[in-house]
């Protein structure tokens, strides 16, 4: 029997298992009122590139991995 992960479990899994170039983005998961998940990424100087653009490879890698973190609404 498989149980659905909690938001806390998904956040911890992300922080402990994703690559450094993803965790450097400091992504934070949260549940929205409509039951969908949202990920916030604060923009720190260490992840900005020329012109204040966030590193595209890190963002793409994050997007490619996060789809598998299905978190049900509480």
PDB file of N, CA and C in Angstrom:
ATOM      1  N   UNK A   1       0.843  -1.184   0.000  1.00  0.00           N
ATOM      2  CA  UNK A   1       0.000   0.000   0.000  1.00  0.00           C
ATOM      3  C   UNK A   1       0.886   1.244   0.000  1.00  0.00           C
ATOM      4  N   UNK A   2       0.604   2.166  -0.882  1.00  0.00           N
ATOM      5  CA  UNK A   2       1.377   3.396  -0.984  1.00  0.00           C
ATOM      6  C   UNK A   2       0.570   4.546  -0.401  1.00  0.00           C
ATOM      7  N   UNK A   3       1.210   5.356   0.420  1.00  0.00           N
ATOM      8  CA  UNK A   3       0.532   6.535   0.955  1.00  0.00           C
ATOM      9  C   UNK A   3       1.058   7.778   0.245  1.00  0.00           C
ATOM     10  N   UNK A   4       0.249   8.818   0.209  1.00  0.00           N
ATOM     11  CA  UNK A   4       0.638  10.069  -0.417  1.00  0.00           C
ATOM     12  C   UNK A   4       1.572  10.833   0.517  1.00  0.00           C
ATOM     13  N   UNK A   5       2.604  11.466  -0.024  1.00  0.00           N
ATOM     14  CA  UNK A   5       3.526  12.228   0.825  1.00  0.00           C
ATOM     15  C   UNK A   5       2.871  13.505   1.341  1.00  0.00           C
ATOM     16  N   UNK A   6       3.312  13.945   2.497  1.00  0.00           N
ATOM     17  CA  UNK A   6       2.852  15.213   3.043  1.00  0.00           C
ATOM     18  C   UNK A   6       3.702  16.340   2.459  1.00  0.00           C
ATOM     19  N   UNK A   7       3.262  17.554   2.669  1.00  0.00           N
ATOM     20  CA  UNK A   7       4.027  18.711   2.214  1.00  0.00           C
ATOM     21  C   UNK A   7       5.396  18.733   2.887  1.00  0.00           C
ATOM     22  N   UNK A   8       5.439  18.464   4.181  1.00  0.00           N
ATOM     23  CA  UNK A   8       6.715  18.454   4.910  1.00  0.00           C
ATOM     24  C   UNK A   8       7.657  17.384   4.352  1.00  0.00           C
ATOM     25  N   UNK A   9       7.128  16.205   4.048  1.00  0.00           N
ATOM     26  CA  UNK A   9       7.955  15.138   3.483  1.00  0.00           C
ATOM     27  C   UNK A   9       8.503  15.547   2.120  1.00  0.00           C
ATOM     28  N   UNK A  10       7.648  16.133   1.274  1.00  0.00           N
ATOM     29  CA  UNK A  10       8.089  16.543  -0.064  1.00  0.00           C
ATOM     30  C   UNK A  10       9.170  17.613   0.029  1.00  0.00           C
ATOM     31  N   UNK A  11       9.018  18.574   0.951  1.00  0.00           N
ATOM     32  CA  UNK A  11      10.016  19.627   1.109  1.00  0.00           C
ATOM     33  C   UNK A  11      11.342  19.038   1.581  1.00  0.00           C
ATOM     34  N   UNK A  12      11.279  18.136   2.560  1.00  0.00           N
ATOM     35  CA  UNK A  12      12.505  17.512   3.067  1.00  0.00           C
ATOM     36  C   UNK A  12      13.165  16.661   1.985  1.00  0.00           C
ATOM     37  N   UNK A  13      12.368  15.917   1.228  1.00  0.00           N
ATOM     38  CA  UNK A  13      12.904  15.098   0.155  1.00  0.00           C
ATOM     39  C   UNK A  13      13.624  15.966  -0.867  1.00  0.00           C
ATOM     40  N   UNK A  14      13.003  17.071  -1.241  1.00  0.00           N
ATOM     41  CA  UNK A  14      13.597  18.000  -2.193  1.00  0.00           C
ATOM     42  C   UNK A  14      14.947  18.498  -1.670  1.00  0.00           C
ATOM     43  N   UNK A  15      14.974  18.950  -0.422  1.00  0.00           N
ATOM     44  CA  UNK A  15      16.189  19.527   0.155  1.00  0.00           C
ATOM     45  C   UNK A  15      17.319  18.511   0.311  1.00  0.00           C
ATOM     46  N   UNK A  16      16.984  17.251   0.584  1.00  0.00           N
ATOM     47  CA  UNK A  16      18.001  16.240   0.852  1.00  0.00           C
ATOM     48  C   UNK A  16      18.449  15.454  -0.381  1.00  0.00           C
ATOM     49  N   UNK A  17      17.665  15.493  -1.449  1.00  0.00           N
ATOM     50  CA  UNK A  17      17.955  14.605  -2.573  1.00  0.00           C
ATOM     51  C   UNK A  17      18.181  15.278  -3.915  1.00  0.00           C
ATOM     52  N   UNK A  18      17.813  16.544  -4.037  1.00  0.00           N
ATOM     53  CA  UNK A  18      18.005  17.212  -5.311  1.00  0.00           C
ATOM     54  C   UNK A  18      19.428  17.753  -5.407  1.00  0.00           C
ATOM     55  N   UNK A  19      19.883  17.951  -6.605  1.00  0.00           N
ATOM     56  CA  UNK A  19      21.248  18.411  -6.866  1.00  0.00           C
ATOM     57  C   UNK A  19      21.500  19.800  -6.290  1.00  0.00           C
ATOM     58  N   UNK A  20      22.772  20.119  -5.995  1.00  0.00           N
ATOM     59  CA  UNK A  20      23.108  21.428  -5.425  1.00  0.00           C
ATOM     60  C   UNK A  20      22.651  22.602  -6.280  1.00  0.00           C
ATOM     61  N   UNK A  21      22.692  22.486  -7.596  1.00  0.00           N
ATOM     62  CA  UNK A  21      22.270  23.604  -8.430  1.00  0.00           C
ATOM     63  C   UNK A  21      20.764  23.826  -8.357  1.00  0.00           C
ATOM     64  N   UNK A  22      20.024  22.823  -7.890  1.00  0.00           N
ATOM     65  CA  UNK A  22      18.593  22.997  -7.649  1.00  0.00           C
ATOM     66  C   UNK A  22      18.360  23.535  -6.238  1.00  0.00           C
ATOM     67  N   UNK A  23      19.001  22.928  -5.254  1.00  0.00           N
ATOM     68  CA  UNK A  23      18.784  23.378  -3.877  1.00  0.00           C
ATOM     69  C   UNK A  23      19.340  24.779  -3.633  1.00  0.00           C
ATOM     70  N   UNK A  24      20.298  25.211  -4.437  1.00  0.00           N
ATOM     71  CA  UNK A  24      20.793  26.590  -4.338  1.00  0.00           C
ATOM     72  C   UNK A  24      19.701  27.609  -4.656  1.00  0.00           C
ATOM     73  N   UNK A  25      18.666  27.173  -5.363  1.00  0.00           N
ATOM     74  CA  UNK A  25      17.536  28.058  -5.663  1.00  0.00           C
ATOM     75  C   UNK A  25      16.647  28.269  -4.429  1.00  0.00           C
ATOM     76  N   UNK A  26      16.835  27.468  -3.378  1.00  0.00           N
ATOM     77  CA  UNK A  26      16.056  27.547  -2.132  1.00  0.00           C
ATOM     78  C   UNK A  26      14.547  27.438  -2.378  1.00  0.00           C
ATOM     79  N   UNK A  27      14.112  26.437  -3.151  1.00  0.00           N
ATOM     80  CA  UNK A  27      12.684  26.313  -3.436  1.00  0.00           C
ATOM     81  C   UNK A  27      11.896  25.931  -2.180  1.00  0.00           C
ATOM     82  N   UNK A  28      10.719  26.531  -2.031  1.00  0.00           N
ATOM     83  CA  UNK A  28       9.822  26.235  -0.911  1.00  0.00           C
ATOM     84  C   UNK A  28       8.459  25.848  -1.474  1.00  0.00           C
ATOM     85  N   UNK A  29       7.999  24.669  -1.071  1.00  0.00           N
ATOM     86  CA  UNK A  29       6.703  24.176  -1.508  1.00  0.00           C
ATOM     87  C   UNK A  29       5.604  24.698  -0.594  1.00  0.00           C
ATOM     88  N   UNK A  30       4.435  24.971  -1.166  1.00  0.00           N
ATOM     89  CA  UNK A  30       3.272  25.296  -0.355  1.00  0.00           C
ATOM     90  C   UNK A  30       2.022  24.896  -1.117  1.00  0.00           C
ATOM     91  N   UNK A  31       0.953  24.683  -0.359  1.00  0.00           N
ATOM     92  CA  UNK A  31      -0.326  24.300  -0.938  1.00  0.00           C
ATOM     93  C   UNK A  31      -1.181  25.553  -1.099  1.00  0.00           C
ATOM     94  N   UNK A  32      -1.752  25.705  -2.268  1.00  0.00           N
ATOM     95  CA  UNK A  32      -2.632  26.847  -2.532  1.00  0.00           C
ATOM     96  C   UNK A  32      -4.056  26.511  -2.100  1.00  0.00           C
ATOM     97  N   UNK A  33      -4.892  27.523  -1.984  1.00  0.00           N
ATOM     98  CA  UNK A  33      -6.272  27.335  -1.530  1.00  0.00           C
ATOM     99  C   UNK A  33      -7.052  26.366  -2.411  1.00  0.00           C
ATOM    100  N   UNK A  34      -6.741  26.318  -3.690  1.00  0.00           N
ATOM    101  CA  UNK A  34      -7.479  25.427  -4.602  1.00  0.00           C
ATOM    102  C   UNK A  34      -6.943  23.992  -4.591  1.00  0.00           C
ATOM    103  N   UNK A  35      -5.980  23.698  -3.706  1.00  0.00           N
ATOM    104  CA  UNK A  35      -5.456  22.343  -3.574  1.00  0.00           C
ATOM    105  C   UNK A  35      -4.255  22.037  -4.437  1.00  0.00           C
ATOM    106  N   UNK A  36      -3.841  22.969  -5.279  1.00  0.00           N
ATOM    107  CA  UNK A  36      -2.650  22.750  -6.093  1.00  0.00           C
ATOM    108  C   UNK A  36      -1.407  23.168  -5.321  1.00  0.00           C
ATOM    109  N   UNK A  37      -0.283  22.680  -5.766  1.00  0.00           N
ATOM    110  CA  UNK A  37       0.986  23.029  -5.121  1.00  0.00           C
ATOM    111  C   UNK A  37       1.613  24.218  -5.835  1.00  0.00           C
ATOM    112  N   UNK A  38       2.364  24.973  -5.087  1.00  0.00           N
ATOM    113  CA  UNK A  38       3.110  26.110  -5.640  1.00  0.00           C
ATOM    114  C   UNK A  38       4.522  26.037  -5.090  1.00  0.00           C
ATOM    115  N   UNK A  39       5.474  26.433  -5.900  1.00  0.00           N
ATOM    116  CA  UNK A  39       6.852  26.477  -5.450  1.00  0.00           C
ATOM    117  C   UNK A  39       7.360  27.903  -5.583  1.00  0.00           C
ATOM    118  N   UNK A  40       7.826  28.451  -4.486  1.00  0.00           N
ATOM    119  CA  UNK A  40       8.410  29.785  -4.500  1.00  0.00           C
ATOM    120  C   UNK A  40       9.921  29.667  -4.517  1.00  0.00           C
ATOM    121  N   UNK A  41      10.552  30.531  -5.295  1.00  0.00           N
ATOM    122  CA  UNK A  41      12.011  30.558  -5.386  1.00  0.00           C
ATOM    123  C   UNK A  41      12.465  31.997  -5.151  1.00  0.00           C
ATOM    124  N   UNK A  42      13.043  32.252  -3.978  1.00  0.00           N
ATOM    125  CA  UNK A  42      13.548  33.607  -3.731  1.00  0.00           C
ATOM    126  C   UNK A  42      14.743  33.888  -4.637  1.00  0.00           C
ATOM    127  N   UNK A  43      14.850  35.107  -5.114  1.00  0.00           N
ATOM    128  CA  UNK A  43      15.930  35.454  -6.034  1.00  0.00           C
ATOM    129  C   UNK A  43      17.078  36.088  -5.245  1.00  0.00           C
ATOM    130  N   UNK A  44      18.098  35.298  -4.980  1.00  0.00           N
ATOM    131  CA  UNK A  44      19.290  35.750  -4.280  1.00  0.00           C
ATOM    132  C   UNK A  44      20.368  36.108  -5.303  1.00  0.00           C
ATOM    133  N   UNK A  45      21.303  36.921  -4.904  1.00  0.00           N
ATOM    134  CA  UNK A  45      22.377  37.333  -5.806  1.00  0.00           C
ATOM    135  C   UNK A  45      23.189  36.156  -6.334  1.00  0.00           C
ATOM    136  N   UNK A  46      23.374  35.109  -5.535  1.00  0.00           N
ATOM    137  CA  UNK A  46      24.221  33.991  -5.960  1.00  0.00           C
ATOM    138  C   UNK A  46      23.627  33.158  -7.096  1.00  0.00           C
ATOM    139  N   UNK A  47      22.339  33.315  -7.402  1.00  0.00           N
ATOM    140  CA  UNK A  47      21.768  32.555  -8.523  1.00  0.00           C
ATOM    141  C   UNK A  47      21.459  33.438  -9.722  1.00  0.00           C
ATOM    142  N   UNK A  48      21.764  34.712  -9.609  1.00  0.00           N
ATOM    143  CA  UNK A  48      21.538  35.618 -10.734  1.00  0.00           C
ATOM    144  C   UNK A  48      22.730  35.598 -11.675  1.00  0.00           C
ATOM    145  N   UNK A  49      22.445  35.779 -12.940  1.00  0.00           N
ATOM    146  CA  UNK A  49      23.483  35.875 -13.947  1.00  0.00           C
ATOM    147  C   UNK A  49      23.433  37.283 -14.535  1.00  0.00           C
ATOM    148  N   UNK A  50      24.100  37.507 -15.621  1.00  0.00           N
ATOM    149  CA  UNK A  50      24.156  38.825 -16.261  1.00  0.00           C
ATOM    150  C   UNK A  50      22.737  39.377 -16.436  1.00  0.00           C
ATOM    151  N   UNK A  51      22.531  40.607 -16.023  1.00  0.00           N
ATOM    152  CA  UNK A  51      21.236  41.251 -16.174  1.00  0.00           C
ATOM    153  C   UNK A  51      20.197  40.830 -15.149  1.00  0.00           C
ATOM    154  N   UNK A  52      20.610  40.132 -14.091  1.00  0.00           N
ATOM    155  CA  UNK A  52      19.665  39.712 -13.055  1.00  0.00           C
ATOM    156  C   UNK A  52      18.832  38.506 -13.428  1.00  0.00           C
ATOM    157  N   UNK A  53      19.232  37.786 -14.462  1.00  0.00           N
ATOM    158  CA  UNK A  53      18.494  36.606 -14.911  1.00  0.00           C
ATOM    159  C   UNK A  53      18.886  35.402 -14.060  1.00  0.00           C
ATOM    160  N   UNK A  54      17.890  34.626 -13.641  1.00  0.00           N
ATOM    161  CA  UNK A  54      18.155  33.406 -12.870  1.00  0.00           C
ATOM    162  C   UNK A  54      18.708  32.350 -13.813  1.00  0.00           C
ATOM    163  N   UNK A  55      19.663  31.573 -13.341  1.00  0.00           N
ATOM    164  CA  UNK A  55      20.303  30.536 -14.143  1.00  0.00           C
ATOM    165  C   UNK A  55      19.268  29.601 -14.766  1.00  0.00           C
ATOM    166  N   UNK A  56      19.182  29.622 -16.089  1.00  0.00           N
ATOM    167  CA  UNK A  56      18.195  28.837 -16.816  1.00  0.00           C
ATOM    168  C   UNK A  56      18.362  27.333 -16.662  1.00  0.00           C
ATOM    169  N   UNK A  57      19.589  26.858 -16.581  1.00  0.00           N
ATOM    170  CA  UNK A  57      19.811  25.419 -16.410  1.00  0.00           C
ATOM    171  C   UNK A  57      19.284  24.935 -15.069  1.00  0.00           C
ATOM    172  N   UNK A  58      19.486  25.729 -14.027  1.00  0.00           N
ATOM    173  CA  UNK A  58      18.971  25.348 -12.706  1.00  0.00           C
ATOM    174  C   UNK A  58      17.444  25.351 -12.708  1.00  0.00           C
ATOM    175  N   UNK A  59      16.846  26.373 -13.322  1.00  0.00           N
ATOM    176  CA  UNK A  59      15.385  26.451 -13.377  1.00  0.00           C
ATOM    177  C   UNK A  59      14.807  25.283 -14.181  1.00  0.00           C
ATOM    178  N   UNK A  60      15.427  24.960 -15.303  1.00  0.00           N
ATOM    179  CA  UNK A  60      14.956  23.845 -16.116  1.00  0.00           C
ATOM    180  C   UNK A  60      15.087  22.518 -15.405  1.00  0.00           C
ATOM    181  N   UNK A  61      16.182  22.342 -14.708  1.00  0.00           N
ATOM    182  CA  UNK A  61      16.398  21.115 -13.958  1.00  0.00           C
ATOM    183  C   UNK A  61      15.388  20.993 -12.820  1.00  0.00           C
ATOM    184  N   UNK A  62      15.122  22.095 -12.145  1.00  0.00           N
ATOM    185  CA  UNK A  62      14.118  22.100 -11.079  1.00  0.00           C
ATOM    186  C   UNK A  62      12.758  21.700 -11.641  1.00  0.00           C
ATOM    187  N   UNK A  63      12.360  22.299 -12.733  1.00  0.00           N
ATOM    188  CA  UNK A  63      11.060  21.992 -13.343  1.00  0.00           C
ATOM    189  C   UNK A  63      10.970  20.530 -13.754  1.00  0.00           C
ATOM    190  N   UNK A  64      12.052  19.985 -14.278  1.00  0.00           N
ATOM    191  CA  UNK A  64      12.053  18.598 -14.736  1.00  0.00           C
ATOM    192  C   UNK A  64      11.914  17.602 -13.592  1.00  0.00           C
ATOM    193  N   UNK A  65      12.357  17.973 -12.395  1.00  0.00           N
ATOM    194  CA  UNK A  65      12.310  17.060 -11.255  1.00  0.00           C
ATOM    195  C   UNK A  65      11.067  17.229 -10.387  1.00  0.00           C
ATOM    196  N   UNK A  66      10.563  18.425 -10.277  1.00  0.00           N
ATOM    197  CA  UNK A  66       9.480  18.709  -9.344  1.00  0.00           C
ATOM    198  C   UNK A  66       8.161  18.069  -9.731  1.00  0.00           C
ATOM    199  N   UNK A  67       7.942  17.828 -11.001  1.00  0.00           N
ATOM    200  CA  UNK A  67       6.663  17.261 -11.426  1.00  0.00           C
ATOM    201  C   UNK A  67       6.341  15.969 -10.689  1.00  0.00           C
ATOM    202  N   UNK A  68       7.361  15.261 -10.218  1.00  0.00           N
ATOM    203  CA  UNK A  68       7.137  13.972  -9.549  1.00  0.00           C
ATOM    204  C   UNK A  68       6.750  14.112  -8.079  1.00  0.00           C
ATOM    205  N   UNK A  69       6.810  15.330  -7.536  1.00  0.00           N
ATOM    206  CA  UNK A  69       6.441  15.528  -6.131  1.00  0.00           C
ATOM    207  C   UNK A  69       4.951  15.842  -6.023  1.00  0.00           C
ATOM    208  N   UNK A  70       4.144  14.840  -6.081  1.00  0.00           N
ATOM    209  CA  UNK A  70       2.691  15.036  -5.956  1.00  0.00           C
ATOM    210  C   UNK A  70       2.336  15.117  -4.480  1.00  0.00           C
ATOM    211  N   UNK A  71       1.791  16.255  -4.067  1.00  0.00           N
ATOM    212  CA  UNK A  71       1.412  16.456  -2.661  1.00  0.00           C
ATOM    213  C   UNK A  71      -0.076  16.709  -2.622  1.00  0.00           C
ATOM    214  N   UNK A  72      -0.842  15.838  -1.953  1.00  0.00           N
ATOM    215  CA  UNK A  72      -2.296  16.030  -1.893  1.00  0.00           C
ATOM    216  C   UNK A  72      -2.649  17.193  -0.972  1.00  0.00           C
ATOM    217  N   UNK A  73      -3.787  17.797  -1.233  1.00  0.00           N
ATOM    218  CA  UNK A  73      -4.277  18.867  -0.358  1.00  0.00           C
ATOM    219  C   UNK A  73      -4.606  18.279   1.009  1.00  0.00           C
ATOM    220  N   UNK A  74      -4.368  19.063   2.037  1.00  0.00           N
ATOM    221  CA  UNK A  74      -4.620  18.593   3.422  1.00  0.00           C
ATOM    222  C   UNK A  74      -6.101  18.490   3.695  1.00  0.00           C
TER     223      UNK A  74
END
